[in-house]
């Protein structure tokens, strides 16, 4: 997933960024509402974690502005306020989910993945493409029942393609999903990752599942 974390508490912001990055997600960080507002308007994210209370422009002000301007990125509102009225207010202003501090990282990740599945109209965490089964919740991949071992980055790439089965994605579109703003990947990073992933999901003697559309990009289809 391509994620944005908008959180003014530096320690929490860094912890979330590091943990989600280790899981293979591309994570951008914003330290206040003004910075997060600009990033949320200029980059297409799968989901945003937005702190409710920040100095300057707070989370609800950012959220209301996005929804007013037609930005429909899923937003998980993060807050220390656990009153029912606060939750109702946040959801009423356009938040898609609400999580109170302190929280378990596993719960945050599960909620973000649920928001992402909803965004791509795929409520089932298991995606099947021909003989390939991709479990986005368990981070597991099988081909005809046989487990396939992938790195976190390879799984993120496969999930990116599987979210849009049959749709050709350009190198630039894939790069935008896999790499955060500060990553600065090499120019052939996507091609190399595709090559490695293709070998793993389609061993010798089996029909290919990742296809190159010359001049256009890559597509996952059986």
N, C-alpha and C. Protein backbone atom coordinates (compact mmCIF):
# COMPACT_ATOMS: atom_id res chain seq x y z
N UNK A 1 0.84 -1.20 0.00
CA UNK A 1 0.00 0.00 0.00
C UNK A 1 0.88 1.25 0.00
N UNK A 2 0.41 2.30 -0.62
CA UNK A 2 1.05 3.61 -0.52
C UNK A 2 0.29 4.37 0.56
N UNK A 3 0.99 4.72 1.63
CA UNK A 3 0.35 5.28 2.81
C UNK A 3 0.92 6.64 3.17
N UNK A 4 0.10 7.46 3.80
CA UNK A 4 0.54 8.74 4.34
C UNK A 4 0.21 8.76 5.83
N UNK A 5 1.22 9.09 6.65
CA UNK A 5 1.02 9.24 8.09
C UNK A 5 1.14 10.72 8.42
N UNK A 6 0.08 11.31 8.95
CA UNK A 6 0.11 12.72 9.37
C UNK A 6 -0.01 12.74 10.88
N UNK A 7 1.11 13.00 11.56
CA UNK A 7 1.16 12.87 13.02
C UNK A 7 2.22 13.85 13.54
N UNK A 8 1.84 14.68 14.51
CA UNK A 8 2.80 15.67 15.01
C UNK A 8 3.75 15.12 16.06
N UNK A 9 3.41 14.00 16.69
CA UNK A 9 4.29 13.39 17.69
C UNK A 9 5.41 12.64 16.95
N UNK A 10 6.63 13.17 17.04
CA UNK A 10 7.73 12.66 16.21
C UNK A 10 8.03 11.18 16.48
N UNK A 11 7.99 10.79 17.73
CA UNK A 11 8.33 9.39 18.04
C UNK A 11 7.31 8.43 17.46
N UNK A 12 6.02 8.74 17.63
CA UNK A 12 4.98 7.88 17.08
C UNK A 12 5.03 7.87 15.56
N UNK A 13 5.26 9.06 14.98
CA UNK A 13 5.33 9.15 13.51
C UNK A 13 6.46 8.27 12.97
N UNK A 14 7.63 8.36 13.59
CA UNK A 14 8.78 7.57 13.13
C UNK A 14 8.54 6.08 13.34
N UNK A 15 7.96 5.72 14.48
CA UNK A 15 7.71 4.30 14.77
C UNK A 15 6.75 3.70 13.75
N UNK A 16 5.69 4.41 13.46
CA UNK A 16 4.72 3.91 12.48
C UNK A 16 5.36 3.80 11.10
N UNK A 17 6.12 4.82 10.73
CA UNK A 17 6.76 4.82 9.41
C UNK A 17 7.70 3.64 9.26
N UNK A 18 8.53 3.40 10.27
CA UNK A 18 9.50 2.29 10.19
C UNK A 18 8.79 0.94 10.16
N UNK A 19 7.78 0.78 11.02
CA UNK A 19 7.09 -0.52 11.10
C UNK A 19 6.36 -0.83 9.79
N UNK A 20 5.66 0.14 9.26
CA UNK A 20 4.90 -0.10 8.02
C UNK A 20 5.83 -0.29 6.83
N UNK A 21 6.95 0.41 6.83
CA UNK A 21 7.93 0.24 5.75
C UNK A 21 8.52 -1.16 5.78
N UNK A 22 8.84 -1.66 6.99
CA UNK A 22 9.37 -3.02 7.10
C UNK A 22 8.39 -4.06 6.57
N UNK A 23 7.11 -3.75 6.63
CA UNK A 23 6.09 -4.68 6.13
C UNK A 23 5.97 -4.61 4.60
N UNK A 24 6.72 -3.71 3.97
CA UNK A 24 6.71 -3.63 2.52
C UNK A 24 5.87 -2.50 1.96
N UNK A 25 5.30 -1.67 2.84
CA UNK A 25 4.47 -0.57 2.36
C UNK A 25 5.34 0.65 2.04
N UNK A 26 4.88 1.48 1.12
CA UNK A 26 5.54 2.74 0.82
C UNK A 26 4.89 3.82 1.68
N UNK A 27 5.67 4.43 2.56
CA UNK A 27 5.09 5.31 3.57
C UNK A 27 5.70 6.71 3.49
N UNK A 28 4.84 7.71 3.34
CA UNK A 28 5.26 9.10 3.43
C UNK A 28 4.83 9.65 4.78
N UNK A 29 5.63 10.56 5.33
CA UNK A 29 5.36 11.12 6.65
C UNK A 29 5.18 12.62 6.57
N UNK A 30 4.21 13.13 7.32
CA UNK A 30 3.99 14.58 7.43
C UNK A 30 3.90 14.92 8.92
N UNK A 31 4.56 16.00 9.32
CA UNK A 31 4.64 16.30 10.76
C UNK A 31 3.58 17.28 11.23
N UNK A 32 2.76 17.81 10.31
CA UNK A 32 1.67 18.69 10.73
C UNK A 32 0.56 18.68 9.69
N UNK A 33 -0.55 19.33 10.03
CA UNK A 33 -1.71 19.30 9.15
C UNK A 33 -1.49 20.01 7.83
N UNK A 34 -0.74 21.11 7.85
CA UNK A 34 -0.51 21.86 6.61
C UNK A 34 0.29 21.02 5.61
N UNK A 35 1.35 20.37 6.10
CA UNK A 35 2.17 19.53 5.23
C UNK A 35 1.36 18.33 4.73
N UNK A 36 0.62 17.69 5.65
CA UNK A 36 -0.18 16.54 5.26
C UNK A 36 -1.26 16.90 4.26
N UNK A 37 -1.84 18.09 4.43
CA UNK A 37 -2.88 18.54 3.51
C UNK A 37 -2.35 18.60 2.08
N UNK A 38 -1.17 19.20 1.92
CA UNK A 38 -0.58 19.33 0.58
C UNK A 38 -0.26 17.95 0.00
N UNK A 39 0.33 17.08 0.82
CA UNK A 39 0.71 15.75 0.33
C UNK A 39 -0.53 14.94 -0.06
N UNK A 40 -1.58 15.05 0.74
CA UNK A 40 -2.80 14.31 0.43
C UNK A 40 -3.50 14.81 -0.83
N UNK A 41 -3.23 16.04 -1.20
CA UNK A 41 -3.83 16.61 -2.40
C UNK A 41 -3.00 16.33 -3.66
N UNK A 42 -1.71 16.05 -3.48
CA UNK A 42 -0.83 15.92 -4.65
C UNK A 42 -0.40 14.48 -4.94
N UNK A 43 -0.67 13.56 -4.02
CA UNK A 43 -0.28 12.16 -4.23
C UNK A 43 -1.49 11.27 -3.97
N UNK A 44 -1.61 10.22 -4.80
CA UNK A 44 -2.74 9.30 -4.64
C UNK A 44 -2.34 8.18 -3.68
N UNK A 45 -2.91 8.20 -2.49
CA UNK A 45 -2.60 7.19 -1.47
C UNK A 45 -3.70 6.14 -1.39
N UNK A 46 -3.30 4.94 -0.93
CA UNK A 46 -4.29 3.90 -0.68
C UNK A 46 -5.04 4.19 0.62
N UNK A 47 -4.36 4.82 1.58
CA UNK A 47 -5.01 5.20 2.84
C UNK A 47 -4.13 6.22 3.56
N UNK A 48 -4.79 7.00 4.43
CA UNK A 48 -4.09 8.02 5.22
C UNK A 48 -4.41 7.81 6.70
N UNK A 49 -3.37 7.85 7.54
CA UNK A 49 -3.55 7.89 8.99
C UNK A 49 -3.41 9.36 9.40
N UNK A 50 -4.49 9.91 9.91
CA UNK A 50 -4.54 11.35 10.16
C UNK A 50 -4.80 11.62 11.64
N UNK A 51 -3.83 12.28 12.27
CA UNK A 51 -3.99 12.60 13.69
C UNK A 51 -5.10 13.64 13.84
N UNK A 52 -5.94 13.42 14.86
CA UNK A 52 -7.09 14.31 15.08
C UNK A 52 -6.66 15.69 15.57
N UNK A 53 -5.72 15.72 16.53
CA UNK A 53 -5.35 16.99 17.14
C UNK A 53 -3.89 17.32 16.85
N UNK A 54 -3.66 18.41 16.11
CA UNK A 54 -2.31 18.86 15.79
C UNK A 54 -2.28 20.37 15.89
N UNK A 55 -1.11 20.94 16.17
CA UNK A 55 -1.00 22.40 16.17
C UNK A 55 -1.30 22.95 14.78
N UNK A 56 -1.85 24.15 14.70
CA UNK A 56 -2.19 24.72 13.39
C UNK A 56 -3.43 24.05 12.84
N UNK A 57 -3.35 23.61 11.58
CA UNK A 57 -4.49 22.95 10.94
C UNK A 57 -4.64 21.55 11.53
N UNK A 58 -5.77 21.28 12.22
CA UNK A 58 -5.92 19.97 12.84
C UNK A 58 -6.49 18.94 11.86
N UNK A 59 -6.58 17.69 12.32
CA UNK A 59 -6.98 16.62 11.43
C UNK A 59 -8.36 16.80 10.84
N UNK A 60 -9.30 17.26 11.64
CA UNK A 60 -10.67 17.42 11.13
C UNK A 60 -10.73 18.52 10.07
N UNK A 61 -9.94 19.57 10.25
CA UNK A 61 -9.93 20.66 9.26
C UNK A 61 -9.37 20.16 7.92
N UNK A 62 -8.28 19.37 8.00
CA UNK A 62 -7.71 18.78 6.78
C UNK A 62 -8.73 17.87 6.12
N UNK A 63 -9.37 17.02 6.92
CA UNK A 63 -10.32 16.04 6.40
C UNK A 63 -11.51 16.74 5.73
N UNK A 64 -12.05 17.73 6.40
CA UNK A 64 -13.21 18.43 5.81
C UNK A 64 -12.83 19.06 4.48
N UNK A 65 -11.62 19.64 4.40
CA UNK A 65 -11.17 20.26 3.14
C UNK A 65 -11.05 19.24 2.02
N UNK A 66 -10.50 18.07 2.33
CA UNK A 66 -10.36 17.02 1.30
C UNK A 66 -11.74 16.59 0.80
N UNK A 67 -12.64 16.32 1.72
CA UNK A 67 -13.95 15.82 1.29
C UNK A 67 -14.72 16.90 0.52
N UNK A 68 -14.59 18.14 0.95
CA UNK A 68 -15.26 19.25 0.25
C UNK A 68 -14.75 19.35 -1.19
N UNK A 69 -13.45 19.06 -1.39
CA UNK A 69 -12.85 19.18 -2.72
C UNK A 69 -12.84 17.87 -3.49
N UNK A 70 -13.58 16.89 -3.01
CA UNK A 70 -13.76 15.65 -3.77
C UNK A 70 -12.64 14.65 -3.63
N UNK A 71 -11.73 14.83 -2.66
CA UNK A 71 -10.65 13.85 -2.44
C UNK A 71 -11.20 12.72 -1.57
N UNK A 72 -11.28 11.52 -2.17
CA UNK A 72 -11.96 10.42 -1.48
C UNK A 72 -11.01 9.38 -0.89
N UNK A 73 -9.74 9.73 -0.71
CA UNK A 73 -8.78 8.79 -0.12
C UNK A 73 -9.29 8.30 1.24
N UNK A 74 -9.26 6.98 1.48
CA UNK A 74 -9.70 6.47 2.79
C UNK A 74 -8.85 7.06 3.92
N UNK A 75 -9.50 7.50 4.98
CA UNK A 75 -8.82 8.15 6.10
C UNK A 75 -9.15 7.43 7.40
N UNK A 76 -8.09 7.04 8.13
CA UNK A 76 -8.25 6.51 9.48
C UNK A 76 -7.86 7.63 10.43
N UNK A 77 -8.80 8.08 11.21
CA UNK A 77 -8.56 9.18 12.15
C UNK A 77 -7.97 8.62 13.44
N UNK A 78 -6.85 9.20 13.86
CA UNK A 78 -6.13 8.72 15.04
C UNK A 78 -6.25 9.78 16.13
N UNK A 79 -6.67 9.37 17.34
CA UNK A 79 -6.89 10.38 18.36
C UNK A 79 -6.81 9.80 19.77
N UNK A 80 -6.53 10.70 20.71
CA UNK A 80 -6.57 10.32 22.12
C UNK A 80 -7.96 10.51 22.70
N UNK A 81 -8.86 11.11 21.94
CA UNK A 81 -10.22 11.37 22.39
C UNK A 81 -11.08 10.14 22.11
N UNK A 82 -11.61 9.52 23.16
CA UNK A 82 -12.34 8.26 22.94
C UNK A 82 -13.84 8.40 23.21
N UNK A 83 -14.32 9.62 23.37
CA UNK A 83 -15.75 9.81 23.60
C UNK A 83 -16.57 9.49 22.37
N UNK A 84 -17.79 9.02 22.59
CA UNK A 84 -18.67 8.69 21.47
C UNK A 84 -18.93 9.91 20.59
N UNK A 85 -19.12 11.06 21.23
CA UNK A 85 -19.40 12.28 20.45
C UNK A 85 -18.24 12.60 19.51
N UNK A 86 -17.00 12.40 19.99
CA UNK A 86 -15.83 12.69 19.15
C UNK A 86 -15.79 11.74 17.96
N UNK A 87 -16.07 10.45 18.22
CA UNK A 87 -16.06 9.47 17.13
C UNK A 87 -17.13 9.81 16.10
N UNK A 88 -18.31 10.15 16.58
CA UNK A 88 -19.40 10.49 15.67
C UNK A 88 -19.03 11.72 14.84
N UNK A 89 -18.41 12.69 15.51
CA UNK A 89 -18.02 13.90 14.79
C UNK A 89 -16.99 13.60 13.70
N UNK A 90 -15.98 12.77 14.05
CA UNK A 90 -14.94 12.42 13.07
C UNK A 90 -15.50 11.67 11.88
N UNK A 91 -16.35 10.69 12.16
CA UNK A 91 -16.95 9.92 11.06
C UNK A 91 -17.90 10.79 10.25
N UNK A 92 -18.59 11.69 10.94
CA UNK A 92 -19.50 12.59 10.23
C UNK A 92 -18.78 13.57 9.33
N UNK A 93 -17.55 13.89 9.67
CA UNK A 93 -16.76 14.82 8.84
C UNK A 93 -16.08 14.12 7.68
N UNK A 94 -16.25 12.80 7.59
CA UNK A 94 -15.73 12.10 6.41
C UNK A 94 -14.68 11.05 6.68
N UNK A 95 -14.33 10.80 7.96
CA UNK A 95 -13.36 9.74 8.24
C UNK A 95 -13.99 8.38 7.91
N UNK A 96 -13.14 7.44 7.47
CA UNK A 96 -13.63 6.10 7.14
C UNK A 96 -13.48 5.14 8.31
N UNK A 97 -12.60 5.49 9.24
CA UNK A 97 -12.42 4.66 10.43
C UNK A 97 -11.82 5.55 11.52
N UNK A 98 -11.81 5.00 12.74
CA UNK A 98 -11.44 5.80 13.90
C UNK A 98 -10.71 4.89 14.88
N UNK A 99 -9.52 5.31 15.32
CA UNK A 99 -8.75 4.48 16.25
C UNK A 99 -8.21 5.38 17.35
N UNK A 100 -8.41 4.95 18.60
CA UNK A 100 -7.96 5.77 19.72
C UNK A 100 -6.60 5.29 20.23
N UNK A 101 -5.82 6.25 20.72
CA UNK A 101 -4.51 5.96 21.32
C UNK A 101 -4.70 5.57 22.79
N UNK A 102 -3.89 4.66 23.32
CA UNK A 102 -2.87 3.86 22.62
C UNK A 102 -3.54 2.73 21.84
N UNK A 103 -2.82 2.21 20.87
CA UNK A 103 -3.38 1.15 20.03
C UNK A 103 -2.29 0.14 19.70
N UNK A 104 -2.70 -1.02 19.27
CA UNK A 104 -1.75 -2.05 18.85
C UNK A 104 -1.47 -1.88 17.36
N UNK A 105 -0.21 -2.01 16.99
CA UNK A 105 0.16 -1.84 15.58
C UNK A 105 -0.62 -2.82 14.70
N UNK A 106 -0.80 -4.05 15.17
CA UNK A 106 -1.50 -5.05 14.37
C UNK A 106 -2.92 -4.60 14.05
N UNK A 107 -3.58 -3.93 15.00
CA UNK A 107 -4.93 -3.44 14.74
C UNK A 107 -4.92 -2.31 13.72
N UNK A 108 -3.95 -1.41 13.85
CA UNK A 108 -3.84 -0.33 12.86
C UNK A 108 -3.65 -0.89 11.46
N UNK A 109 -2.73 -1.85 11.32
CA UNK A 109 -2.45 -2.43 10.01
C UNK A 109 -3.69 -3.13 9.46
N UNK A 110 -4.39 -3.88 10.31
CA UNK A 110 -5.59 -4.59 9.85
C UNK A 110 -6.66 -3.60 9.37
N UNK A 111 -6.79 -2.51 10.08
CA UNK A 111 -7.78 -1.50 9.68
C UNK A 111 -7.39 -0.83 8.36
N UNK A 112 -6.09 -0.54 8.17
CA UNK A 112 -5.63 0.07 6.92
C UNK A 112 -5.83 -0.87 5.75
N UNK A 113 -5.56 -2.16 5.96
CA UNK A 113 -5.76 -3.12 4.88
C UNK A 113 -7.23 -3.25 4.53
N UNK A 114 -8.09 -3.18 5.54
CA UNK A 114 -9.53 -3.25 5.26
C UNK A 114 -9.97 -2.02 4.45
N UNK A 115 -9.43 -0.85 4.79
CA UNK A 115 -9.78 0.36 4.04
C UNK A 115 -9.30 0.24 2.59
N UNK A 116 -8.09 -0.32 2.41
CA UNK A 116 -7.56 -0.46 1.05
C UNK A 116 -8.40 -1.44 0.23
N UNK A 117 -8.81 -2.55 0.86
CA UNK A 117 -9.64 -3.53 0.13
C UNK A 117 -10.95 -2.88 -0.29
N UNK A 118 -11.51 -2.08 0.61
CA UNK A 118 -12.77 -1.40 0.29
C UNK A 118 -12.58 -0.43 -0.88
N UNK A 119 -11.41 0.22 -0.90
CA UNK A 119 -11.13 1.19 -1.97
C UNK A 119 -11.12 0.51 -3.33
N UNK A 120 -10.60 -0.74 -3.36
CA UNK A 120 -10.51 -1.45 -4.63
C UNK A 120 -11.68 -2.42 -4.82
N UNK A 121 -12.72 -2.27 -4.00
CA UNK A 121 -13.92 -3.10 -4.10
C UNK A 121 -13.58 -4.57 -4.02
N UNK A 122 -12.65 -4.94 -3.13
CA UNK A 122 -12.26 -6.34 -2.94
C UNK A 122 -12.39 -6.69 -1.46
N UNK A 123 -13.61 -6.92 -1.00
CA UNK A 123 -13.81 -7.17 0.43
C UNK A 123 -13.12 -8.42 0.95
N UNK A 124 -12.91 -9.42 0.06
CA UNK A 124 -12.23 -10.65 0.47
C UNK A 124 -10.73 -10.43 0.44
N UNK A 125 -10.01 -10.70 1.55
CA UNK A 125 -8.55 -10.53 1.53
C UNK A 125 -7.83 -11.49 0.61
N UNK A 126 -8.53 -12.56 0.16
CA UNK A 126 -7.89 -13.50 -0.76
C UNK A 126 -8.27 -13.15 -2.20
N UNK A 127 -7.23 -12.98 -3.02
CA UNK A 127 -7.42 -12.64 -4.43
C UNK A 127 -6.90 -13.81 -5.25
N UNK A 128 -7.70 -14.30 -6.19
CA UNK A 128 -7.29 -15.40 -7.04
C UNK A 128 -7.12 -14.92 -8.48
N UNK A 129 -5.97 -15.24 -9.04
CA UNK A 129 -5.70 -14.94 -10.45
C UNK A 129 -5.23 -16.24 -11.08
N UNK A 130 -6.11 -16.92 -11.80
CA UNK A 130 -5.77 -18.22 -12.35
C UNK A 130 -5.38 -19.18 -11.22
N UNK A 131 -4.21 -19.81 -11.33
CA UNK A 131 -3.78 -20.78 -10.28
C UNK A 131 -3.18 -20.10 -9.06
N UNK A 132 -3.09 -18.77 -9.09
CA UNK A 132 -2.42 -18.04 -8.01
C UNK A 132 -3.43 -17.57 -6.98
N UNK A 133 -3.13 -17.86 -5.70
CA UNK A 133 -3.95 -17.34 -4.60
C UNK A 133 -3.10 -16.40 -3.76
N UNK A 134 -3.56 -15.16 -3.62
CA UNK A 134 -2.82 -14.14 -2.88
C UNK A 134 -3.65 -13.75 -1.67
N UNK A 135 -3.13 -14.07 -0.48
CA UNK A 135 -3.82 -13.73 0.77
C UNK A 135 -3.20 -12.44 1.30
N UNK A 136 -3.90 -11.32 1.08
CA UNK A 136 -3.33 -10.02 1.44
C UNK A 136 -3.31 -9.81 2.95
N UNK A 137 -4.12 -10.54 3.70
CA UNK A 137 -4.11 -10.41 5.16
C UNK A 137 -2.97 -11.22 5.77
N UNK A 138 -2.81 -12.44 5.31
CA UNK A 138 -1.77 -13.33 5.84
C UNK A 138 -0.43 -13.11 5.15
N UNK A 139 -0.41 -12.27 4.10
CA UNK A 139 0.82 -12.03 3.32
C UNK A 139 1.38 -13.36 2.80
N UNK A 140 0.51 -14.17 2.25
CA UNK A 140 0.90 -15.48 1.75
C UNK A 140 0.48 -15.63 0.29
N UNK A 141 1.29 -16.37 -0.47
CA UNK A 141 1.01 -16.60 -1.88
C UNK A 141 1.15 -18.08 -2.17
N UNK A 142 0.21 -18.63 -2.92
CA UNK A 142 0.29 -20.04 -3.30
C UNK A 142 -0.06 -20.16 -4.79
N UNK A 143 0.63 -21.11 -5.42
CA UNK A 143 0.26 -21.44 -6.80
C UNK A 143 -0.11 -22.91 -6.81
N UNK A 144 -1.35 -23.17 -7.14
CA UNK A 144 -1.90 -24.54 -7.13
C UNK A 144 -1.58 -25.24 -5.81
N UNK A 145 -1.73 -24.49 -4.72
CA UNK A 145 -1.55 -25.06 -3.38
C UNK A 145 -0.13 -25.04 -2.86
N UNK A 146 0.84 -24.72 -3.71
CA UNK A 146 2.25 -24.69 -3.30
C UNK A 146 2.63 -23.28 -2.84
N UNK A 147 3.21 -23.20 -1.63
CA UNK A 147 3.61 -21.90 -1.10
C UNK A 147 4.73 -21.28 -1.93
N UNK A 148 4.66 -19.98 -2.10
CA UNK A 148 5.71 -19.22 -2.80
C UNK A 148 6.26 -18.20 -1.81
N UNK A 149 7.56 -18.20 -1.62
CA UNK A 149 8.20 -17.27 -0.68
C UNK A 149 8.58 -15.98 -1.40
N UNK A 150 8.07 -14.86 -0.90
CA UNK A 150 8.36 -13.55 -1.50
C UNK A 150 8.94 -12.62 -0.45
N UNK A 151 9.77 -11.68 -0.88
CA UNK A 151 10.20 -10.61 0.02
C UNK A 151 9.03 -9.64 0.22
N UNK A 152 9.17 -8.77 1.22
CA UNK A 152 8.10 -7.80 1.48
C UNK A 152 7.85 -6.92 0.26
N UNK A 153 8.93 -6.52 -0.42
CA UNK A 153 8.78 -5.67 -1.61
C UNK A 153 8.11 -6.43 -2.74
N UNK A 154 8.50 -7.70 -2.93
CA UNK A 154 7.89 -8.51 -4.00
C UNK A 154 6.41 -8.72 -3.72
N UNK A 155 6.06 -8.93 -2.45
CA UNK A 155 4.64 -9.12 -2.13
C UNK A 155 3.87 -7.83 -2.42
N UNK A 156 4.47 -6.69 -2.06
CA UNK A 156 3.80 -5.40 -2.31
C UNK A 156 3.57 -5.21 -3.81
N UNK A 157 4.54 -5.61 -4.62
CA UNK A 157 4.39 -5.49 -6.08
C UNK A 157 3.28 -6.40 -6.58
N UNK A 158 3.28 -7.65 -6.09
CA UNK A 158 2.23 -8.58 -6.53
C UNK A 158 0.85 -8.09 -6.09
N UNK A 159 0.76 -7.57 -4.88
CA UNK A 159 -0.52 -7.05 -4.39
C UNK A 159 -0.97 -5.86 -5.23
N UNK A 160 -0.02 -5.01 -5.61
CA UNK A 160 -0.33 -3.86 -6.47
C UNK A 160 -0.96 -4.31 -7.78
N UNK A 161 -0.38 -5.35 -8.41
CA UNK A 161 -0.91 -5.87 -9.67
C UNK A 161 -2.24 -6.59 -9.45
N UNK A 162 -2.33 -7.34 -8.34
CA UNK A 162 -3.53 -8.14 -8.07
C UNK A 162 -4.73 -7.26 -7.73
N UNK A 163 -4.50 -6.07 -7.20
CA UNK A 163 -5.61 -5.16 -6.92
C UNK A 163 -6.27 -4.68 -8.21
N UNK A 164 -5.55 -4.84 -9.32
CA UNK A 164 -6.08 -4.37 -10.60
C UNK A 164 -5.90 -5.48 -11.65
N UNK A 165 -6.48 -6.66 -11.43
CA UNK A 165 -6.27 -7.79 -12.35
C UNK A 165 -6.76 -7.45 -13.76
N UNK A 166 -5.91 -7.79 -14.75
CA UNK A 166 -6.28 -7.53 -16.13
C UNK A 166 -6.04 -6.10 -16.58
N UNK A 167 -5.57 -5.26 -15.67
CA UNK A 167 -5.34 -3.85 -16.00
C UNK A 167 -3.85 -3.61 -16.17
N UNK A 168 -3.48 -2.98 -17.28
CA UNK A 168 -2.07 -2.69 -17.52
C UNK A 168 -1.65 -1.50 -16.66
N UNK A 169 -0.56 -1.69 -15.91
CA UNK A 169 -0.01 -0.61 -15.08
C UNK A 169 1.33 -0.18 -15.66
N UNK A 170 1.51 1.10 -15.84
CA UNK A 170 2.77 1.61 -16.36
C UNK A 170 3.85 1.51 -15.29
N UNK A 171 5.11 1.62 -15.73
CA UNK A 171 6.22 1.60 -14.77
C UNK A 171 6.05 2.72 -13.75
N UNK A 172 5.60 3.88 -14.22
CA UNK A 172 5.43 5.03 -13.32
C UNK A 172 4.33 4.78 -12.29
N UNK A 173 3.26 4.14 -12.71
CA UNK A 173 2.17 3.84 -11.77
C UNK A 173 2.63 2.85 -10.69
N UNK A 174 3.38 1.85 -11.11
CA UNK A 174 3.88 0.87 -10.14
C UNK A 174 4.86 1.53 -9.18
N UNK A 175 5.75 2.33 -9.72
CA UNK A 175 6.75 3.02 -8.89
C UNK A 175 6.07 3.89 -7.84
N UNK A 176 4.99 4.57 -8.23
CA UNK A 176 4.27 5.44 -7.29
C UNK A 176 3.64 4.66 -6.16
N UNK A 177 3.32 3.38 -6.42
CA UNK A 177 2.70 2.55 -5.39
C UNK A 177 3.73 1.88 -4.47
N UNK A 178 4.92 1.64 -5.01
CA UNK A 178 5.91 0.86 -4.26
C UNK A 178 6.90 1.69 -3.48
N UNK A 179 7.11 2.93 -3.89
CA UNK A 179 8.18 3.71 -3.29
C UNK A 179 7.65 5.01 -2.70
N UNK A 180 8.14 5.31 -1.47
CA UNK A 180 7.76 6.55 -0.82
C UNK A 180 8.49 7.72 -1.47
N UNK A 181 8.06 8.91 -1.10
CA UNK A 181 8.58 10.13 -1.73
C UNK A 181 10.09 10.25 -1.61
N UNK A 182 10.66 9.79 -0.49
CA UNK A 182 12.09 9.96 -0.25
C UNK A 182 12.92 8.75 -0.65
N UNK A 183 12.31 7.73 -1.23
CA UNK A 183 13.04 6.51 -1.55
C UNK A 183 14.06 6.69 -2.67
N UNK A 184 13.68 7.41 -3.74
CA UNK A 184 14.60 7.61 -4.86
C UNK A 184 15.08 6.31 -5.48
N UNK A 185 14.17 5.46 -5.99
CA UNK A 185 14.59 4.18 -6.56
C UNK A 185 15.39 4.35 -7.84
N UNK A 186 16.21 3.34 -8.18
CA UNK A 186 16.94 3.36 -9.45
C UNK A 186 15.96 3.31 -10.61
N UNK A 187 16.41 3.76 -11.77
CA UNK A 187 15.51 3.86 -12.92
C UNK A 187 14.97 2.51 -13.37
N UNK A 188 15.76 1.43 -13.11
CA UNK A 188 15.30 0.10 -13.54
C UNK A 188 14.77 -0.72 -12.37
N UNK A 189 14.45 -0.08 -11.25
CA UNK A 189 14.03 -0.81 -10.05
C UNK A 189 12.76 -1.61 -10.31
N UNK A 190 11.79 -1.01 -10.96
CA UNK A 190 10.52 -1.71 -11.22
C UNK A 190 10.74 -2.89 -12.15
N UNK A 191 11.51 -2.68 -13.22
CA UNK A 191 11.76 -3.77 -14.18
C UNK A 191 12.46 -4.94 -13.49
N UNK A 192 13.43 -4.63 -12.63
CA UNK A 192 14.15 -5.69 -11.91
C UNK A 192 13.23 -6.44 -10.96
N UNK A 193 12.38 -5.70 -10.27
CA UNK A 193 11.44 -6.32 -9.32
C UNK A 193 10.44 -7.21 -10.07
N UNK A 194 9.96 -6.74 -11.22
CA UNK A 194 9.04 -7.53 -12.03
C UNK A 194 9.70 -8.83 -12.48
N UNK A 195 10.95 -8.73 -12.91
CA UNK A 195 11.68 -9.91 -13.40
C UNK A 195 11.80 -10.96 -12.29
N UNK A 196 12.16 -10.50 -11.09
CA UNK A 196 12.31 -11.42 -9.97
C UNK A 196 10.98 -12.05 -9.57
N UNK A 197 9.94 -11.22 -9.50
CA UNK A 197 8.62 -11.72 -9.12
C UNK A 197 8.07 -12.70 -10.17
N UNK A 198 8.31 -12.38 -11.43
CA UNK A 198 7.81 -13.24 -12.51
C UNK A 198 8.40 -14.65 -12.41
N UNK A 199 9.69 -14.74 -12.10
CA UNK A 199 10.33 -16.05 -11.97
C UNK A 199 9.72 -16.86 -10.82
N UNK A 200 9.35 -16.16 -9.73
CA UNK A 200 8.84 -16.88 -8.56
C UNK A 200 7.40 -17.35 -8.73
N UNK A 201 6.56 -16.52 -9.36
CA UNK A 201 5.14 -16.91 -9.48
C UNK A 201 4.90 -17.82 -10.68
N UNK A 202 5.85 -17.84 -11.62
CA UNK A 202 5.71 -18.72 -12.79
C UNK A 202 7.00 -19.49 -12.99
N UNK A 203 7.18 -20.59 -12.23
CA UNK A 203 8.39 -21.40 -12.39
C UNK A 203 8.48 -21.97 -13.81
N UNK A 204 9.68 -22.41 -14.24
CA UNK A 204 9.84 -23.00 -15.58
C UNK A 204 8.81 -24.10 -15.85
N UNK A 205 8.23 -24.06 -17.03
CA UNK A 205 7.27 -25.08 -17.41
C UNK A 205 5.83 -24.74 -17.08
N UNK A 206 5.60 -23.58 -16.44
CA UNK A 206 4.23 -23.18 -16.10
C UNK A 206 3.86 -21.93 -16.91
N UNK A 207 2.59 -21.76 -17.21
CA UNK A 207 2.17 -20.58 -17.99
C UNK A 207 2.49 -19.29 -17.25
N UNK A 208 2.96 -18.26 -17.96
CA UNK A 208 3.27 -16.98 -17.31
C UNK A 208 2.00 -16.28 -16.82
N UNK A 209 2.16 -15.53 -15.74
CA UNK A 209 1.03 -14.79 -15.18
C UNK A 209 1.26 -13.28 -15.23
N UNK A 210 2.52 -12.85 -15.25
CA UNK A 210 2.82 -11.41 -15.37
C UNK A 210 3.30 -11.17 -16.80
N UNK A 211 2.57 -10.34 -17.52
CA UNK A 211 2.84 -10.12 -18.93
C UNK A 211 3.31 -8.68 -19.16
N UNK A 212 4.22 -8.54 -20.11
CA UNK A 212 4.70 -7.20 -20.51
C UNK A 212 3.90 -6.72 -21.70
N UNK A 213 3.38 -5.53 -21.60
CA UNK A 213 2.73 -4.89 -22.75
C UNK A 213 3.68 -3.81 -23.23
N UNK A 214 4.39 -4.12 -24.32
CA UNK A 214 5.47 -3.26 -24.76
C UNK A 214 5.02 -1.80 -24.93
N UNK A 215 5.76 -0.92 -24.30
CA UNK A 215 5.47 0.51 -24.39
C UNK A 215 4.36 0.97 -23.45
N UNK A 216 3.72 0.00 -22.77
CA UNK A 216 2.60 0.37 -21.89
C UNK A 216 2.88 0.03 -20.42
N UNK A 217 3.33 -1.22 -20.17
CA UNK A 217 3.60 -1.59 -18.79
C UNK A 217 3.41 -3.07 -18.56
N UNK A 218 2.86 -3.41 -17.39
CA UNK A 218 2.75 -4.81 -16.98
C UNK A 218 1.31 -5.10 -16.53
N UNK A 219 0.93 -6.38 -16.70
CA UNK A 219 -0.42 -6.79 -16.29
C UNK A 219 -0.35 -8.19 -15.70
N UNK A 220 -1.14 -8.43 -14.66
CA UNK A 220 -1.26 -9.76 -14.05
C UNK A 220 -2.56 -10.38 -14.53
N UNK A 221 -2.45 -11.47 -15.28
CA UNK A 221 -3.66 -12.17 -15.73
C UNK A 221 -3.30 -13.59 -16.13
N UNK A 222 -4.27 -14.47 -15.96
CA UNK A 222 -4.05 -15.88 -16.31
C UNK A 222 -4.32 -16.10 -17.78
